[in-house]
Amino acid sequence: MKLCIFALSVSAIFVISGCSQTVNSNVSNAPAATASQAATATPDEFASARAIYARECLACHGDEGKGGLVKTTEGTRLKVPSLIEGHALKHDDDDYVDQIENGGDGMPKFKDKLTAAEINAMVRFVRHEFQGK
């Protein structure tokens, strides 16, 4: 009999302590706020550059930046350089800015179409998206 009373007392202590922990955890809103913050999506820092690439560059450089032979609107064939390998990896950012601004070797110039900030964003986008930098 004494053993049953002792077992019930110990059980009651565990139940009471468990209830008080549940009540205390419900009072605090900090874990709920942290969970909702973790669920928030991270914005794409390259969203505008990605849209410019799709509009201005995709037709020649392709989805993966591989370049290759492209037929221009005038009907001539143009060898478009890869953005992911070879010579493109040796250029510094200033070379990319100059190429985008002034064009050349079959590439049109974009200094009248894009702002300096957009051109710099394109260089960062190419480095990140195609060159893993």
C-alpha atoms as a PDB file:
ATOM      1  CA  MET A   1       0.000   0.000   0.000  1.00  0.00           C
ATOM      2  CA  LYS A   2       2.782   2.384   0.914  1.00  0.00           C
ATOM      3  CA  LEU A   3       4.442   1.540  -2.388  1.00  0.00           C
ATOM      4  CA  CYS A   4       1.279   2.497  -4.317  1.00  0.00           C
ATOM      5  CA  ILE A   5       1.024   5.843  -2.512  1.00  0.00           C
ATOM      6  CA  PHE A   6       4.701   6.516  -3.209  1.00  0.00           C
ATOM      7  CA  ALA A   7       4.272   5.665  -6.935  1.00  0.00           C
ATOM      8  CA  LEU A   8       1.208   7.898  -7.214  1.00  0.00           C
ATOM      9  CA  SER A   9       3.041  10.774  -5.506  1.00  0.00           C
ATOM     10  CA  VAL A  10       5.998  10.493  -7.871  1.00  0.00           C
ATOM     11  CA  SER A  11       3.657  10.320 -10.882  1.00  0.00           C
ATOM     12  CA  ALA A  12       1.760  13.382  -9.668  1.00  0.00           C
ATOM     13  CA  ILE A  13       5.017  15.342  -9.351  1.00  0.00           C
ATOM     14  CA  PHE A  14       5.996  14.483 -12.961  1.00  0.00           C
ATOM     15  CA  VAL A  15       2.550  15.413 -14.278  1.00  0.00           C
ATOM     16  CA  ILE A  16       2.532  18.735 -12.419  1.00  0.00           C
ATOM     17  CA  SER A  17       6.053  19.636 -13.548  1.00  0.00           C
ATOM     18  CA  GLY A  18       5.163  18.699 -17.149  1.00  0.00           C
ATOM     19  CA  CYS A  19       2.062  20.908 -17.053  1.00  0.00           C
ATOM     20  CA  SER A  20       3.984  23.877 -15.745  1.00  0.00           C
ATOM     21  CA  GLN A  21       6.518  23.542 -18.586  1.00  0.00           C
ATOM     22  CA  THR A  22       3.718  23.423 -21.136  1.00  0.00           C
ATOM     23  CA  VAL A  23       2.066  26.508 -19.651  1.00  0.00           C
ATOM     24  CA  ASN A  24       5.382  28.408 -19.602  1.00  0.00           C
ATOM     25  CA  SER A  25       6.228  27.492 -23.193  1.00  0.00           C
ATOM     26  CA  ASN A  26       2.803  28.690 -24.344  1.00  0.00           C
ATOM     27  CA  VAL A  27       3.288  32.071 -22.691  1.00  0.00           C
ATOM     28  CA  SER A  28       6.395  32.870 -24.737  1.00  0.00           C
ATOM     29  CA  ASN A  29       5.873  33.961 -28.358  1.00  0.00           C
ATOM     30  CA  ALA A  30       9.581  33.980 -29.233  1.00  0.00           C
ATOM     31  CA  PRO A  31       9.704  30.475 -30.778  1.00  0.00           C
ATOM     32  CA  ALA A  32       6.667  31.230 -32.967  1.00  0.00           C
ATOM     33  CA  ALA A  33       8.239  34.453 -34.277  1.00  0.00           C
ATOM     34  CA  THR A  34      11.488  32.655 -35.054  1.00  0.00           C
ATOM     35  CA  ALA A  35       9.655  29.934 -36.964  1.00  0.00           C
ATOM     36  CA  SER A  36       7.778  32.462 -39.120  1.00  0.00           C
ATOM     37  CA  GLN A  37      10.978  34.379 -39.834  1.00  0.00           C
ATOM     38  CA  ALA A  38      12.680  31.185 -40.976  1.00  0.00           C
ATOM     39  CA  ALA A  39       9.800  30.500 -43.367  1.00  0.00           C
ATOM     40  CA  THR A  40      10.191  33.891 -45.074  1.00  0.00           C
ATOM     41  CA  ALA A  41      11.654  33.570 -48.568  1.00  0.00           C
ATOM     42  CA  THR A  42      14.952  35.226 -49.429  1.00  0.00           C
ATOM     43  CA  PRO A  43      14.594  37.744 -52.256  1.00  0.00           C
ATOM     44  CA  ASP A  44      16.565  37.107 -55.449  1.00  0.00           C
ATOM     45  CA  GLU A  45      19.293  39.759 -55.564  1.00  0.00           C
ATOM     46  CA  PHE A  46      19.740  39.028 -59.277  1.00  0.00           C
ATOM     47  CA  ALA A  47      16.053  39.317 -60.254  1.00  0.00           C
ATOM     48  CA  SER A  48      16.441  42.496 -62.323  1.00  0.00           C
ATOM     49  CA  ALA A  49      19.687  41.304 -63.964  1.00  0.00           C
ATOM     50  CA  ARG A  50      18.043  37.945 -64.704  1.00  0.00           C
ATOM     51  CA  ALA A  51      15.194  39.789 -66.472  1.00  0.00           C
ATOM     52  CA  ILE A  52      17.661  41.913 -68.472  1.00  0.00           C
ATOM     53  CA  TYR A  53      19.609  38.790 -69.452  1.00  0.00           C
ATOM     54  CA  ALA A  54      16.391  37.114 -70.618  1.00  0.00           C
ATOM     55  CA  ARG A  55      15.428  40.175 -72.660  1.00  0.00           C
ATOM     56  CA  GLU A  56      18.805  41.219 -74.096  1.00  0.00           C
ATOM     57  CA  CYS A  57      21.314  38.340 -73.887  1.00  0.00           C
ATOM     58  CA  LEU A  58      19.495  35.017 -73.919  1.00  0.00           C
ATOM     59  CA  ALA A  59      19.011  34.838 -77.691  1.00  0.00           C
ATOM     60  CA  CYS A  60      22.774  34.828 -78.314  1.00  0.00           C
ATOM     61  CA  HIS A  61      24.402  33.526 -75.127  1.00  0.00           C
ATOM     62  CA  GLY A  62      21.694  30.947 -74.340  1.00  0.00           C
ATOM     63  CA  ASP A  63      20.099  29.657 -71.129  1.00  0.00           C
ATOM     64  CA  GLU A  64      23.357  28.319 -69.772  1.00  0.00           C
ATOM     65  CA  GLY A  65      25.680  31.055 -71.073  1.00  0.00           C
ATOM     66  CA  LYS A  66      27.403  28.657 -73.473  1.00  0.00           C
ATOM     67  CA  GLY A  67      27.176  30.899 -76.547  1.00  0.00           C
ATOM     68  CA  GLY A  68      27.941  29.181 -79.853  1.00  0.00           C
ATOM     69  CA  LEU A  69      26.905  29.827 -83.447  1.00  0.00           C
ATOM     70  CA  VAL A  70      23.916  32.155 -83.714  1.00  0.00           C
ATOM     71  CA  LYS A  71      22.090  33.422 -86.765  1.00  0.00           C
ATOM     72  CA  THR A  72      21.493  37.182 -86.442  1.00  0.00           C
ATOM     73  CA  THR A  73      18.365  39.006 -87.567  1.00  0.00           C
ATOM     74  CA  GLU A  74      20.343  40.142 -90.638  1.00  0.00           C
ATOM     75  CA  GLY A  75      20.927  36.489 -91.531  1.00  0.00           C
ATOM     76  CA  THR A  76      24.642  36.314 -90.810  1.00  0.00           C
ATOM     77  CA  ARG A  77      26.153  33.708 -88.533  1.00  0.00           C
ATOM     78  CA  LEU A  78      27.925  34.942 -85.437  1.00  0.00           C
ATOM     79  CA  LYS A  79      30.185  32.964 -83.107  1.00  0.00           C
ATOM     80  CA  VAL A  80      29.079  34.054 -79.621  1.00  0.00           C
ATOM     81  CA  PRO A  81      31.621  33.450 -76.856  1.00  0.00           C
ATOM     82  CA  SER A  82      30.844  31.288 -73.852  1.00  0.00           C
ATOM     83  CA  LEU A  83      30.360  33.055 -70.530  1.00  0.00           C
ATOM     84  CA  ILE A  84      31.197  29.914 -68.555  1.00  0.00           C
ATOM     85  CA  GLU A  85      34.601  28.850 -69.816  1.00  0.00           C
ATOM     86  CA  GLY A  86      37.694  29.772 -71.746  1.00  0.00           C
ATOM     87  CA  HIS A  87      38.581  33.370 -72.507  1.00  0.00           C
ATOM     88  CA  ALA A  88      35.580  34.781 -70.600  1.00  0.00           C
ATOM     89  CA  LEU A  89      37.058  33.615 -67.296  1.00  0.00           C
ATOM     90  CA  LYS A  90      40.215  35.682 -67.854  1.00  0.00           C
ATOM     91  CA  HIS A  91      38.428  39.035 -68.169  1.00  0.00           C
ATOM     92  CA  ASP A  92      38.152  41.321 -65.166  1.00  0.00           C
ATOM     93  CA  ASP A  93      34.958  43.190 -64.305  1.00  0.00           C
ATOM     94  CA  ASP A  94      36.075  46.363 -66.117  1.00  0.00           C
ATOM     95  CA  ASP A  95      36.490  44.358 -69.344  1.00  0.00           C
ATOM     96  CA  TYR A  96      32.942  43.046 -68.991  1.00  0.00           C
ATOM     97  CA  VAL A  97      31.574  46.536 -68.322  1.00  0.00           C
ATOM     98  CA  ASP A  98      33.396  47.881 -71.396  1.00  0.00           C
ATOM     99  CA  GLN A  99      32.117  45.034 -73.596  1.00  0.00           C
ATOM    100  CA  ILE A 100      28.518  45.501 -72.441  1.00  0.00           C
ATOM    101  CA  GLU A 101      28.653  49.286 -72.779  1.00  0.00           C
ATOM    102  CA  ASN A 102      30.405  49.491 -76.147  1.00  0.00           C
ATOM    103  CA  GLY A 103      29.772  46.102 -77.751  1.00  0.00           C
ATOM    104  CA  GLY A 104      32.040  44.929 -80.532  1.00  0.00           C
ATOM    105  CA  ASP A 105      32.828  41.714 -82.391  1.00  0.00           C
ATOM    106  CA  GLY A 106      29.176  41.389 -83.348  1.00  0.00           C
ATOM    107  CA  MET A 107      27.781  42.272 -79.930  1.00  0.00           C
ATOM    108  CA  PRO A 108      25.586  45.397 -79.840  1.00  0.00           C
ATOM    109  CA  LYS A 109      26.377  48.202 -77.429  1.00  0.00           C
ATOM    110  CA  PHE A 110      24.101  48.638 -74.433  1.00  0.00           C
ATOM    111  CA  LYS A 111      25.297  51.900 -72.889  1.00  0.00           C
ATOM    112  CA  ASP A 112      22.258  53.671 -74.348  1.00  0.00           C
ATOM    113  CA  LYS A 113      19.849  50.909 -73.253  1.00  0.00           C
ATOM    114  CA  LEU A 114      21.093  50.093 -69.729  1.00  0.00           C
ATOM    115  CA  THR A 115      22.132  52.261 -66.805  1.00  0.00           C
ATOM    116  CA  ALA A 116      25.567  51.918 -65.216  1.00  0.00           C
ATOM    117  CA  ALA A 117      23.930  50.192 -62.238  1.00  0.00           C
ATOM    118  CA  GLU A 118      22.184  47.690 -64.533  1.00  0.00           C
ATOM    119  CA  ILE A 119      25.439  46.966 -66.373  1.00  0.00           C
ATOM    120  CA  ASN A 120      27.262  46.378 -63.073  1.00  0.00           C
ATOM    121  CA  ALA A 121      24.409  44.125 -61.960  1.00  0.00           C
ATOM    122  CA  MET A 122      24.799  42.162 -65.209  1.00  0.00           C
ATOM    123  CA  VAL A 123      28.503  41.636 -64.533  1.00  0.00           C
ATOM    124  CA  ARG A 124      27.736  40.369 -61.004  1.00  0.00           C
ATOM    125  CA  PHE A 125      24.982  38.151 -62.429  1.00  0.00           C
ATOM    126  CA  VAL A 126      27.311  36.607 -65.046  1.00  0.00           C
ATOM    127  CA  ARG A 127      29.987  36.024 -62.420  1.00  0.00           C
ATOM    128  CA  HIS A 128      27.493  34.390 -60.034  1.00  0.00           C
ATOM    129  CA  GLU A 129      25.219  32.526 -62.425  1.00  0.00           C
ATOM    130  CA  PHE A 130      27.660  31.267 -65.039  1.00  0.00           C
ATOM    131  CA  GLN A 131      31.086  31.397 -63.435  1.00  0.00           C
ATOM    132  CA  GLY A 132      30.279  30.410 -59.852  1.00  0.00           C
ATOM    133  CA  LYS A 133      31.990  33.433 -58.337  1.00  0.00           C
END
